[in-house]
Amino acid sequence: MFRAHPWHGVTAGDEAPGVVTCYIEIVPTDTVKYELDKITGHLTLERPQHYSNICPTLYGLVPRTLCGERIAERCRARTGQNITRADGDPLDICVLTEKQIQHGDILLDACPIGGLRMIDNGEADDKIIAVLRDDLVYGNMRDIGDCPRAIVDRLIHYFVTYKRSPGSKKPPASIAEVYDRGEAHETVRLACADYVEIYG
């Protein structure tokens, strides 16, 4: 009769940042964009995907994280760009697995191996790249250097184009940095601290 809120009622896990609990919103077969409703905790349909881009991995969020001032400051320090804020959402995560998971609205454990320092309309909006814990194909990857570059390039292409309409001159999002496992762990820690500051 009671279900924990996926953002506020679930923790990032006892082994974070090395292993984090993830709430998955989107799987690679989805042709619509699902997103967690932050008030109710229900997975909602945000919009149909207007163009041909399909998210190449499982995609979701790390519970009890927030892209706040610490994430914005880290982005400023690492990129030298004048980033005034982060997007104010939970930390996003992309999870690599060989398994075909048919739907979102699930929790799973994943190991961060790197990330993308994304800037979306002037806001810091990091994307952690992780592997499903104990995955037979991807589970032995420990750092972003272990990941085939084609997979990283595919993720970059998705994030810089999925909001871009045909004929637009400049994409709303850019990737300022591809970072390694150590930086991914630090990003998770900062996002956890941002969450605690705002929500306790």
N, C-alpha and C. Protein backbone atom coordinates (compact mmCIF):
# COMPACT_ATOMS: atom_id res chain seq x y z
N MET A 1 0.82 -1.20 0.00
CA MET A 1 0.00 0.00 0.00
C MET A 1 0.86 1.26 0.00
N PHE A 2 2.17 1.11 0.19
CA PHE A 2 3.04 2.27 0.21
C PHE A 2 4.26 2.00 -0.64
N ARG A 3 4.61 2.96 -1.48
CA ARG A 3 5.81 2.84 -2.30
C ARG A 3 6.69 4.05 -2.04
N ALA A 4 7.97 3.80 -1.81
CA ALA A 4 8.90 4.90 -1.55
C ALA A 4 9.04 5.78 -2.77
N HIS A 5 9.15 7.09 -2.55
CA HIS A 5 9.39 8.03 -3.64
C HIS A 5 10.77 7.72 -4.22
N PRO A 6 10.89 7.50 -5.55
CA PRO A 6 12.17 7.09 -6.12
C PRO A 6 13.31 8.10 -5.95
N TRP A 7 12.98 9.37 -5.78
CA TRP A 7 14.03 10.38 -5.59
C TRP A 7 14.33 10.59 -4.11
N HIS A 8 13.28 10.79 -3.31
CA HIS A 8 13.48 11.15 -1.91
C HIS A 8 13.42 9.97 -0.95
N GLY A 9 12.74 8.91 -1.33
CA GLY A 9 12.51 7.80 -0.40
C GLY A 9 13.45 6.63 -0.56
N VAL A 10 14.37 6.70 -1.51
CA VAL A 10 15.38 5.66 -1.76
C VAL A 10 16.74 6.32 -1.60
N THR A 11 17.72 5.60 -1.09
CA THR A 11 19.06 6.18 -0.94
C THR A 11 19.91 5.86 -2.17
N ALA A 12 21.04 6.56 -2.27
CA ALA A 12 22.00 6.27 -3.34
C ALA A 12 22.73 4.96 -3.09
N GLY A 13 22.57 4.38 -1.91
CA GLY A 13 23.17 3.09 -1.59
C GLY A 13 24.33 3.21 -0.63
N ASP A 14 24.55 2.14 0.15
CA ASP A 14 25.61 2.13 1.16
C ASP A 14 27.00 2.15 0.56
N GLU A 15 27.13 1.74 -0.70
CA GLU A 15 28.45 1.67 -1.34
C GLU A 15 28.74 2.86 -2.26
N ALA A 16 27.85 3.85 -2.26
CA ALA A 16 28.06 5.03 -3.10
C ALA A 16 29.32 5.77 -2.63
N PRO A 17 30.11 6.32 -3.56
CA PRO A 17 29.85 6.48 -5.00
C PRO A 17 30.35 5.33 -5.87
N GLY A 18 30.98 4.30 -5.27
CA GLY A 18 31.51 3.20 -6.08
C GLY A 18 30.43 2.37 -6.73
N VAL A 19 29.35 2.14 -6.01
CA VAL A 19 28.16 1.48 -6.53
C VAL A 19 26.97 2.33 -6.11
N VAL A 20 26.13 2.70 -7.06
CA VAL A 20 24.99 3.55 -6.74
C VAL A 20 23.69 2.88 -7.14
N THR A 21 22.68 3.14 -6.35
CA THR A 21 21.33 2.75 -6.73
C THR A 21 20.85 3.72 -7.80
N CYS A 22 20.20 3.21 -8.82
CA CYS A 22 19.67 4.04 -9.91
C CYS A 22 18.19 3.78 -10.07
N TYR A 23 17.45 4.84 -10.33
CA TYR A 23 16.06 4.71 -10.74
C TYR A 23 16.02 4.94 -12.24
N ILE A 24 15.58 3.93 -12.99
CA ILE A 24 15.59 4.00 -14.45
C ILE A 24 14.25 4.52 -14.96
N GLU A 25 14.34 5.57 -15.78
CA GLU A 25 13.15 6.17 -16.39
C GLU A 25 12.93 5.71 -17.83
N ILE A 26 14.03 5.57 -18.58
CA ILE A 26 13.95 5.32 -20.02
C ILE A 26 14.83 4.12 -20.37
N VAL A 27 14.34 3.30 -21.29
CA VAL A 27 15.14 2.20 -21.85
C VAL A 27 15.30 2.45 -23.36
N PRO A 28 16.28 1.81 -24.00
CA PRO A 28 16.59 2.13 -25.40
C PRO A 28 15.46 1.91 -26.40
N THR A 29 14.44 1.13 -26.03
CA THR A 29 13.34 0.89 -26.97
C THR A 29 12.22 1.93 -26.84
N ASP A 30 12.32 2.84 -25.89
CA ASP A 30 11.25 3.83 -25.69
C ASP A 30 11.25 4.88 -26.80
N THR A 31 10.10 5.12 -27.36
CA THR A 31 9.95 6.17 -28.38
C THR A 31 9.26 7.41 -27.82
N VAL A 32 9.04 7.41 -26.51
CA VAL A 32 8.55 8.59 -25.81
C VAL A 32 9.50 8.86 -24.65
N LYS A 33 9.51 10.10 -24.18
CA LYS A 33 10.38 10.45 -23.06
C LYS A 33 9.58 10.36 -21.77
N TYR A 34 9.98 9.42 -20.93
CA TYR A 34 9.39 9.31 -19.60
C TYR A 34 10.25 10.10 -18.62
N GLU A 35 9.61 10.65 -17.58
CA GLU A 35 10.35 11.38 -16.56
C GLU A 35 9.64 11.22 -15.23
N LEU A 36 10.44 11.12 -14.18
CA LEU A 36 9.87 11.04 -12.85
C LEU A 36 9.19 12.35 -12.49
N ASP A 37 7.93 12.27 -12.08
CA ASP A 37 7.25 13.45 -11.56
C ASP A 37 7.77 13.68 -10.14
N LYS A 38 8.39 14.83 -9.93
CA LYS A 38 9.12 15.06 -8.69
C LYS A 38 8.19 15.26 -7.49
N ILE A 39 6.93 15.58 -7.73
CA ILE A 39 5.99 15.76 -6.62
C ILE A 39 5.42 14.41 -6.19
N THR A 40 4.89 13.64 -7.14
CA THR A 40 4.18 12.41 -6.78
C THR A 40 5.08 11.18 -6.72
N GLY A 41 6.20 11.22 -7.44
CA GLY A 41 7.05 10.03 -7.51
C GLY A 41 6.60 9.04 -8.56
N HIS A 42 5.60 9.39 -9.37
CA HIS A 42 5.16 8.51 -10.45
C HIS A 42 5.96 8.79 -11.72
N LEU A 43 6.16 7.77 -12.51
CA LEU A 43 6.79 7.94 -13.81
C LEU A 43 5.73 8.46 -14.77
N THR A 44 6.03 9.59 -15.41
CA THR A 44 5.05 10.21 -16.29
C THR A 44 5.60 10.30 -17.71
N LEU A 45 4.70 10.40 -18.66
CA LEU A 45 5.08 10.60 -20.05
C LEU A 45 5.26 12.10 -20.26
N GLU A 46 6.51 12.52 -20.47
CA GLU A 46 6.77 13.94 -20.65
C GLU A 46 6.42 14.39 -22.06
N ARG A 47 6.85 13.62 -23.06
CA ARG A 47 6.56 14.00 -24.45
C ARG A 47 6.93 12.84 -25.36
N PRO A 48 6.30 12.74 -26.54
CA PRO A 48 6.80 11.82 -27.55
C PRO A 48 8.17 12.31 -28.04
N GLN A 49 9.03 11.40 -28.42
CA GLN A 49 10.28 11.81 -29.05
C GLN A 49 9.93 12.35 -30.44
N HIS A 50 10.22 13.61 -30.68
CA HIS A 50 9.81 14.25 -31.93
C HIS A 50 10.66 13.84 -33.12
N TYR A 51 11.89 13.41 -32.84
CA TYR A 51 12.80 13.09 -33.94
C TYR A 51 13.28 11.65 -33.77
N SER A 52 14.28 11.25 -34.53
CA SER A 52 14.65 9.84 -34.59
C SER A 52 15.60 9.40 -33.49
N ASN A 53 16.00 10.31 -32.61
CA ASN A 53 16.95 9.95 -31.56
C ASN A 53 16.31 9.03 -30.53
N ILE A 54 17.02 7.96 -30.23
CA ILE A 54 16.62 7.03 -29.18
C ILE A 54 17.77 6.93 -28.20
N CYS A 55 17.49 7.01 -26.91
CA CYS A 55 18.55 6.93 -25.91
C CYS A 55 19.27 5.58 -26.03
N PRO A 56 20.59 5.58 -26.18
CA PRO A 56 21.31 4.32 -26.45
C PRO A 56 21.55 3.44 -25.23
N THR A 57 21.22 3.92 -24.03
CA THR A 57 21.43 3.13 -22.81
C THR A 57 20.21 3.25 -21.92
N LEU A 58 20.21 2.49 -20.84
CA LEU A 58 19.27 2.76 -19.78
C LEU A 58 19.57 4.16 -19.23
N TYR A 59 18.54 4.89 -18.87
CA TYR A 59 18.74 6.29 -18.45
C TYR A 59 17.82 6.60 -17.28
N GLY A 60 18.40 7.23 -16.28
CA GLY A 60 17.59 7.58 -15.12
C GLY A 60 18.32 8.53 -14.20
N LEU A 61 18.14 8.34 -12.89
CA LEU A 61 18.67 9.26 -11.90
C LEU A 61 19.22 8.51 -10.70
N VAL A 62 20.07 9.20 -9.97
CA VAL A 62 20.59 8.67 -8.71
C VAL A 62 19.77 9.28 -7.58
N PRO A 63 19.09 8.46 -6.76
CA PRO A 63 18.25 9.00 -5.69
C PRO A 63 19.05 9.86 -4.71
N ARG A 64 18.35 10.80 -4.13
CA ARG A 64 18.90 11.71 -3.12
C ARG A 64 20.17 12.41 -3.59
N THR A 65 20.14 12.81 -4.85
CA THR A 65 21.18 13.68 -5.39
C THR A 65 20.50 14.90 -5.99
N LEU A 66 21.26 15.96 -6.17
CA LEU A 66 20.73 17.19 -6.74
C LEU A 66 21.86 17.91 -7.47
N CYS A 67 21.59 18.35 -8.67
CA CYS A 67 22.55 19.19 -9.38
C CYS A 67 22.31 20.63 -8.96
N GLY A 68 23.05 21.04 -7.94
CA GLY A 68 22.90 22.36 -7.35
C GLY A 68 24.19 23.16 -7.46
N GLU A 69 24.44 23.96 -6.43
CA GLU A 69 25.56 24.90 -6.49
C GLU A 69 26.92 24.20 -6.57
N ARG A 70 27.10 23.10 -5.89
CA ARG A 70 28.39 22.40 -5.94
C ARG A 70 28.66 21.84 -7.34
N ILE A 71 27.63 21.34 -7.98
CA ILE A 71 27.79 20.83 -9.35
C ILE A 71 28.10 21.99 -10.30
N ALA A 72 27.43 23.12 -10.12
CA ALA A 72 27.71 24.28 -10.96
C ALA A 72 29.13 24.78 -10.76
N GLU A 73 29.57 24.83 -9.51
CA GLU A 73 30.93 25.29 -9.21
C GLU A 73 31.98 24.34 -9.79
N ARG A 74 31.71 23.05 -9.71
CA ARG A 74 32.65 22.08 -10.29
C ARG A 74 32.74 22.27 -11.81
N CYS A 75 31.61 22.52 -12.43
CA CYS A 75 31.59 22.76 -13.88
C CYS A 75 32.38 24.02 -14.22
N ARG A 76 32.20 25.07 -13.45
CA ARG A 76 32.97 26.30 -13.69
C ARG A 76 34.46 26.05 -13.55
N ALA A 77 34.86 25.32 -12.49
CA ALA A 77 36.27 25.07 -12.23
C ALA A 77 36.90 24.20 -13.31
N ARG A 78 36.17 23.22 -13.79
CA ARG A 78 36.73 22.26 -14.74
C ARG A 78 36.73 22.77 -16.18
N THR A 79 35.78 23.64 -16.50
CA THR A 79 35.64 24.06 -17.90
C THR A 79 36.08 25.50 -18.14
N GLY A 80 36.12 26.30 -17.10
CA GLY A 80 36.44 27.71 -17.27
C GLY A 80 35.30 28.53 -17.83
N GLN A 81 34.15 27.92 -17.98
CA GLN A 81 32.99 28.63 -18.52
C GLN A 81 32.20 29.30 -17.39
N ASN A 82 31.51 30.36 -17.72
CA ASN A 82 30.74 31.12 -16.74
C ASN A 82 29.37 30.48 -16.54
N ILE A 83 29.37 29.38 -15.80
CA ILE A 83 28.13 28.66 -15.52
C ILE A 83 27.55 29.20 -14.23
N THR A 84 26.37 29.77 -14.28
CA THR A 84 25.79 30.40 -13.10
C THR A 84 25.00 29.44 -12.23
N ARG A 85 24.56 28.33 -12.81
CA ARG A 85 23.73 27.40 -12.03
C ARG A 85 23.74 26.01 -12.67
N ALA A 86 23.28 25.04 -11.89
CA ALA A 86 23.01 23.71 -12.43
C ALA A 86 21.51 23.59 -12.68
N ASP A 87 21.09 22.46 -13.22
CA ASP A 87 19.69 22.38 -13.67
C ASP A 87 18.67 22.14 -12.56
N GLY A 88 19.14 21.86 -11.33
CA GLY A 88 18.21 21.70 -10.22
C GLY A 88 17.47 20.38 -10.18
N ASP A 89 17.91 19.42 -10.98
CA ASP A 89 17.30 18.09 -11.02
C ASP A 89 18.21 17.07 -10.34
N PRO A 90 17.71 15.85 -10.10
CA PRO A 90 18.60 14.79 -9.62
C PRO A 90 19.71 14.53 -10.65
N LEU A 91 20.82 13.95 -10.18
CA LEU A 91 21.93 13.62 -11.06
C LEU A 91 21.52 12.52 -12.03
N ASP A 92 21.72 12.77 -13.32
CA ASP A 92 21.36 11.80 -14.36
C ASP A 92 22.42 10.72 -14.48
N ILE A 93 21.99 9.53 -14.88
CA ILE A 93 22.92 8.41 -15.05
C ILE A 93 22.51 7.57 -16.25
N CYS A 94 23.52 7.15 -17.01
CA CYS A 94 23.36 6.25 -18.15
C CYS A 94 23.99 4.92 -17.77
N VAL A 95 23.25 3.83 -17.91
CA VAL A 95 23.74 2.52 -17.45
C VAL A 95 23.89 1.58 -18.63
N LEU A 96 25.10 1.07 -18.81
CA LEU A 96 25.40 0.12 -19.87
C LEU A 96 25.14 -1.30 -19.39
N THR A 97 24.47 -2.08 -20.22
CA THR A 97 24.23 -3.49 -19.93
C THR A 97 24.00 -4.23 -21.23
N GLU A 98 24.36 -5.51 -21.22
CA GLU A 98 24.07 -6.35 -22.38
C GLU A 98 22.61 -6.80 -22.40
N LYS A 99 21.95 -6.73 -21.27
CA LYS A 99 20.60 -7.25 -21.15
C LYS A 99 19.57 -6.30 -21.74
N GLN A 100 18.54 -6.88 -22.32
CA GLN A 100 17.43 -6.08 -22.84
C GLN A 100 16.40 -5.92 -21.73
N ILE A 101 16.41 -4.77 -21.12
CA ILE A 101 15.44 -4.47 -20.07
C ILE A 101 14.28 -3.74 -20.74
N GLN A 102 13.10 -4.25 -20.56
CA GLN A 102 11.97 -3.87 -21.40
C GLN A 102 11.27 -2.59 -20.98
N HIS A 103 11.41 -2.19 -19.72
CA HIS A 103 10.68 -1.00 -19.28
C HIS A 103 11.43 -0.32 -18.14
N GLY A 104 11.14 0.96 -17.95
CA GLY A 104 11.70 1.71 -16.85
C GLY A 104 10.86 1.54 -15.60
N ASP A 105 10.98 2.52 -14.67
CA ASP A 105 10.30 2.48 -13.38
C ASP A 105 10.83 1.32 -12.54
N ILE A 106 12.16 1.12 -12.60
CA ILE A 106 12.80 0.07 -11.82
C ILE A 106 14.03 0.65 -11.12
N LEU A 107 14.47 -0.04 -10.07
CA LEU A 107 15.71 0.27 -9.39
C LEU A 107 16.75 -0.78 -9.72
N LEU A 108 18.01 -0.35 -9.85
CA LEU A 108 19.10 -1.29 -10.07
C LEU A 108 20.38 -0.70 -9.51
N ASP A 109 21.40 -1.54 -9.35
CA ASP A 109 22.70 -1.09 -8.88
C ASP A 109 23.67 -1.00 -10.04
N ALA A 110 24.43 0.10 -10.09
CA ALA A 110 25.38 0.31 -11.18
C ALA A 110 26.66 0.92 -10.63
N CYS A 111 27.76 0.70 -11.37
CA CYS A 111 29.08 1.19 -10.97
C CYS A 111 29.52 2.32 -11.90
N PRO A 112 29.62 3.56 -11.41
CA PRO A 112 30.06 4.67 -12.26
C PRO A 112 31.49 4.46 -12.76
N ILE A 113 31.69 4.69 -14.07
CA ILE A 113 33.03 4.57 -14.66
C ILE A 113 33.49 5.89 -15.29
N GLY A 114 32.62 6.88 -15.35
CA GLY A 114 32.96 8.15 -15.97
C GLY A 114 31.73 9.02 -16.10
N GLY A 115 31.84 10.02 -16.96
CA GLY A 115 30.69 10.89 -17.13
C GLY A 115 30.90 11.93 -18.21
N LEU A 116 29.82 12.62 -18.52
CA LEU A 116 29.81 13.70 -19.49
C LEU A 116 29.46 15.00 -18.76
N ARG A 117 30.33 15.99 -18.91
CA ARG A 117 30.06 17.31 -18.34
C ARG A 117 29.23 18.07 -19.37
N MET A 118 27.93 17.98 -19.23
CA MET A 118 27.05 18.61 -20.21
C MET A 118 26.61 19.98 -19.73
N ILE A 119 26.53 20.92 -20.66
CA ILE A 119 25.99 22.25 -20.40
C ILE A 119 24.78 22.41 -21.30
N ASP A 120 23.62 22.58 -20.68
CA ASP A 120 22.35 22.63 -21.41
C ASP A 120 21.71 23.99 -21.16
N ASN A 121 21.66 24.80 -22.22
CA ASN A 121 21.11 26.15 -22.10
C ASN A 121 21.75 26.93 -20.95
N GLY A 122 23.08 26.79 -20.84
CA GLY A 122 23.83 27.53 -19.84
C GLY A 122 23.85 26.92 -18.45
N GLU A 123 23.22 25.77 -18.25
CA GLU A 123 23.17 25.12 -16.95
C GLU A 123 24.00 23.84 -16.93
N ALA A 124 24.68 23.57 -15.81
CA ALA A 124 25.40 22.31 -15.64
C ALA A 124 24.39 21.17 -15.53
N ASP A 125 24.62 20.12 -16.28
CA ASP A 125 23.67 19.00 -16.34
C ASP A 125 24.44 17.71 -16.59
N ASP A 126 25.24 17.30 -15.60
CA ASP A 126 26.13 16.14 -15.77
C ASP A 126 25.37 14.85 -16.04
N LYS A 127 26.01 13.96 -16.79
CA LYS A 127 25.49 12.63 -17.07
C LYS A 127 26.56 11.62 -16.64
N ILE A 128 26.28 10.87 -15.59
CA ILE A 128 27.19 9.82 -15.16
C ILE A 128 27.05 8.64 -16.11
N ILE A 129 28.18 8.03 -16.47
CA ILE A 129 28.17 6.80 -17.26
C ILE A 129 28.55 5.65 -16.32
N ALA A 130 27.73 4.63 -16.28
CA ALA A 130 27.93 3.52 -15.35
C ALA A 130 27.67 2.19 -16.05
N VAL A 131 28.09 1.12 -15.40
CA VAL A 131 27.82 -0.23 -15.91
C VAL A 131 26.95 -0.96 -14.89
N LEU A 132 26.03 -1.77 -15.38
CA LEU A 132 25.19 -2.57 -14.50
C LEU A 132 26.08 -3.48 -13.65
N ARG A 133 25.85 -3.48 -12.38
CA ARG A 133 26.65 -4.33 -11.49
C ARG A 133 26.55 -5.79 -11.91
N ASP A 134 27.71 -6.44 -12.05
CA ASP A 134 27.82 -7.86 -12.40
C ASP A 134 27.38 -8.18 -13.83
N ASP A 135 27.25 -7.17 -14.68
CA ASP A 135 26.91 -7.42 -16.08
C ASP A 135 28.03 -8.24 -16.72
N LEU A 136 27.67 -9.26 -17.50
CA LEU A 136 28.67 -10.16 -18.06
C LEU A 136 29.54 -9.51 -19.11
N VAL A 137 29.02 -8.54 -19.85
CA VAL A 137 29.78 -7.88 -20.91
C VAL A 137 30.44 -6.61 -20.41
N TYR A 138 29.69 -5.76 -19.72
CA TYR A 138 30.19 -4.45 -19.31
C TYR A 138 30.68 -4.41 -17.86
N GLY A 139 30.34 -5.42 -17.07
CA GLY A 139 30.59 -5.37 -15.64
C GLY A 139 32.04 -5.27 -15.22
N ASN A 140 32.97 -5.69 -16.09
CA ASN A 140 34.39 -5.61 -15.74
C ASN A 140 35.02 -4.26 -16.06
N MET A 141 34.29 -3.37 -16.70
CA MET A 141 34.84 -2.04 -16.98
C MET A 141 34.96 -1.26 -15.68
N ARG A 142 36.12 -0.66 -15.47
CA ARG A 142 36.38 0.08 -14.24
C ARG A 142 36.49 1.58 -14.47
N ASP A 143 36.82 1.98 -15.69
CA ASP A 143 37.03 3.39 -15.98
C ASP A 143 36.56 3.68 -17.40
N ILE A 144 36.37 4.95 -17.70
CA ILE A 144 35.85 5.34 -19.02
C ILE A 144 36.79 4.88 -20.13
N GLY A 145 38.07 4.76 -19.85
CA GLY A 145 39.01 4.28 -20.85
C GLY A 145 38.78 2.84 -21.25
N ASP A 146 38.08 2.06 -20.42
CA ASP A 146 37.75 0.67 -20.74
C ASP A 146 36.55 0.57 -21.68
N CYS A 147 35.82 1.67 -21.80
CA CYS A 147 34.59 1.69 -22.60
C CYS A 147 34.92 1.99 -24.05
N PRO A 148 34.41 1.22 -25.01
CA PRO A 148 34.66 1.54 -26.42
C PRO A 148 34.28 2.98 -26.74
N ARG A 149 35.15 3.68 -27.44
CA ARG A 149 34.91 5.09 -27.75
C ARG A 149 33.61 5.28 -28.52
N ALA A 150 33.23 4.29 -29.32
CA ALA A 150 31.99 4.42 -30.10
C ALA A 150 30.77 4.57 -29.20
N ILE A 151 30.79 3.92 -28.03
CA ILE A 151 29.67 4.03 -27.11
C ILE A 151 29.61 5.43 -26.52
N VAL A 152 30.78 5.95 -26.13
CA VAL A 152 30.83 7.32 -25.59
C VAL A 152 30.38 8.32 -26.65
N ASP A 153 30.85 8.13 -27.89
CA ASP A 153 30.46 9.03 -28.98
C ASP A 153 28.95 8.97 -29.23
N ARG A 154 28.38 7.80 -29.11
CA ARG A 154 26.94 7.65 -29.31
C ARG A 154 26.16 8.40 -28.24
N LEU A 155 26.62 8.32 -27.00
CA LEU A 155 25.97 9.07 -25.92
C LEU A 155 26.10 10.57 -26.14
N ILE A 156 27.30 11.00 -26.53
CA ILE A 156 27.50 12.43 -26.80
C ILE A 156 26.55 12.90 -27.90
N HIS A 157 26.48 12.13 -28.97
CA HIS A 157 25.60 12.51 -30.08
C HIS A 157 24.15 12.61 -29.62
N TYR A 158 23.72 11.65 -28.83
CA TYR A 158 22.34 11.68 -28.35
C TYR A 158 22.06 12.95 -27.55
N PHE A 159 22.91 13.26 -26.60
CA PHE A 159 22.62 14.38 -25.71
C PHE A 159 22.75 15.74 -26.38
N VAL A 160 23.59 15.86 -27.39
CA VAL A 160 23.70 17.17 -28.04
C VAL A 160 22.67 17.34 -29.16
N THR A 161 21.94 16.28 -29.50
CA THR A 161 20.98 16.39 -30.60
C THR A 161 19.53 16.10 -30.23
N TYR A 162 19.26 15.47 -29.08
CA TYR A 162 17.89 14.99 -28.86
C TYR A 162 16.87 16.12 -28.68
N LYS A 163 17.33 17.32 -28.33
CA LYS A 163 16.41 18.47 -28.24
C LYS A 163 16.49 19.37 -29.46
N ARG A 164 17.36 19.03 -30.39
CA ARG A 164 17.63 19.95 -31.50
C ARG A 164 16.63 19.73 -32.63
N SER A 165 15.99 20.80 -33.05
CA SER A 165 15.03 20.69 -34.14
C SER A 165 15.74 20.82 -35.48
N PRO A 166 15.20 20.20 -36.53
CA PRO A 166 15.81 20.32 -37.85
C PRO A 166 15.94 21.78 -38.27
N GLY A 167 17.09 22.14 -38.79
CA GLY A 167 17.31 23.50 -39.26
C GLY A 167 17.83 24.46 -38.21
N SER A 168 17.86 24.03 -36.95
CA SER A 168 18.38 24.93 -35.92
C SER A 168 19.88 25.10 -36.09
N LYS A 169 20.38 26.29 -35.81
CA LYS A 169 21.78 26.62 -36.04
C LYS A 169 22.70 26.11 -34.93
N LYS A 170 22.25 26.24 -33.70
CA LYS A 170 23.10 25.91 -32.57
C LYS A 170 22.37 24.96 -31.63
N PRO A 171 22.99 23.84 -31.26
CA PRO A 171 22.32 22.92 -30.34
C PRO A 171 22.21 23.55 -28.95
N PRO A 172 21.13 23.25 -28.22
CA PRO A 172 20.98 23.82 -26.88
C PRO A 172 21.97 23.24 -25.88
N ALA A 173 22.52 22.06 -26.18
CA ALA A 173 23.42 21.39 -25.25
C ALA A 173 24.77 21.13 -25.88
N SER A 174 25.81 21.12 -25.04
CA SER A 174 27.14 20.77 -25.49
C SER A 174 27.83 19.95 -24.41
N ILE A 175 28.81 19.15 -24.82
CA ILE A 175 29.59 18.36 -23.88
C ILE A 175 30.94 19.04 -23.72
N ALA A 176 31.19 19.57 -22.53
CA ALA A 176 32.42 20.31 -22.28
C ALA A 176 33.56 19.40 -21.87
N GLU A 177 33.24 18.19 -21.37
CA GLU A 177 34.29 17.30 -20.87
C GLU A 177 33.74 15.88 -20.79
N VAL A 178 34.59 14.93 -21.16
CA VAL A 178 34.34 13.52 -20.85
C VAL A 178 35.29 13.17 -19.71
N TYR A 179 34.76 12.73 -18.58
CA TYR A 179 35.63 12.52 -17.43
C TYR A 179 35.66 11.07 -16.97
N ASP A 180 36.65 10.79 -16.10
CA ASP A 180 36.95 9.42 -15.70
C ASP A 180 36.21 9.02 -14.42
N ARG A 181 36.52 7.82 -13.96
CA ARG A 181 35.85 7.24 -12.79
C ARG A 181 36.02 8.11 -11.54
N GLY A 182 37.24 8.60 -11.30
CA GLY A 182 37.46 9.41 -10.12
C GLY A 182 36.61 10.67 -10.12
N GLU A 183 36.51 11.31 -11.26
CA GLU A 183 35.68 12.51 -11.36
C GLU A 183 34.20 12.16 -11.26
N ALA A 184 33.81 11.00 -11.77
CA ALA A 184 32.42 10.56 -11.63
C ALA A 184 32.06 10.37 -10.16
N HIS A 185 32.97 9.75 -9.40
CA HIS A 185 32.72 9.55 -7.97
C HIS A 185 32.61 10.90 -7.25
N GLU A 186 33.48 11.84 -7.61
CA GLU A 186 33.42 13.16 -6.99
C GLU A 186 32.11 13.86 -7.35
N THR A 187 31.66 13.70 -8.57
CA THR A 187 30.40 14.32 -9.00
C THR A 187 29.23 13.75 -8.21
N VAL A 188 29.22 12.44 -7.99
CA VAL A 188 28.17 11.82 -7.17
C VAL A 188 28.21 12.39 -5.75
N ARG A 189 29.41 12.49 -5.17
CA ARG A 189 29.53 13.03 -3.81
C ARG A 189 29.01 14.47 -3.73
N LEU A 190 29.37 15.29 -4.71
CA LEU A 190 28.92 16.68 -4.71
C LEU A 190 27.40 16.77 -4.86
N ALA A 191 26.84 15.92 -5.72
CA ALA A 191 25.38 15.93 -5.91
C ALA A 191 24.66 15.45 -4.66
N CYS A 192 25.24 14.51 -3.93
CA CYS A 192 24.65 14.07 -2.66
C CYS A 192 24.69 15.22 -1.65
N ALA A 193 25.80 15.95 -1.62
CA ALA A 193 25.92 17.09 -0.71
C ALA A 193 24.95 18.20 -1.07
N ASP A 194 24.78 18.46 -2.37
CA ASP A 194 23.79 19.45 -2.81
C ASP A 194 22.39 19.06 -2.36
N TYR A 195 22.08 17.77 -2.45
CA TYR A 195 20.76 17.29 -2.02
C TYR A 195 20.54 17.53 -0.52
N VAL A 196 21.55 17.17 0.28
CA VAL A 196 21.43 17.32 1.73
C VAL A 196 21.24 18.78 2.11
N GLU A 197 21.94 19.66 1.43
CA GLU A 197 21.82 21.09 1.75
C GLU A 197 20.40 21.60 1.53
N ILE A 198 19.75 21.14 0.48
CA ILE A 198 18.41 21.63 0.15
C ILE A 198 17.32 20.85 0.89
N TYR A 199 17.46 19.53 0.94
CA TYR A 199 16.37 18.69 1.47
C TYR A 199 16.65 18.10 2.83
N GLY A 200 17.88 18.19 3.31
CA GLY A 200 18.20 17.64 4.62
C GLY A 200 18.45 16.15 4.58
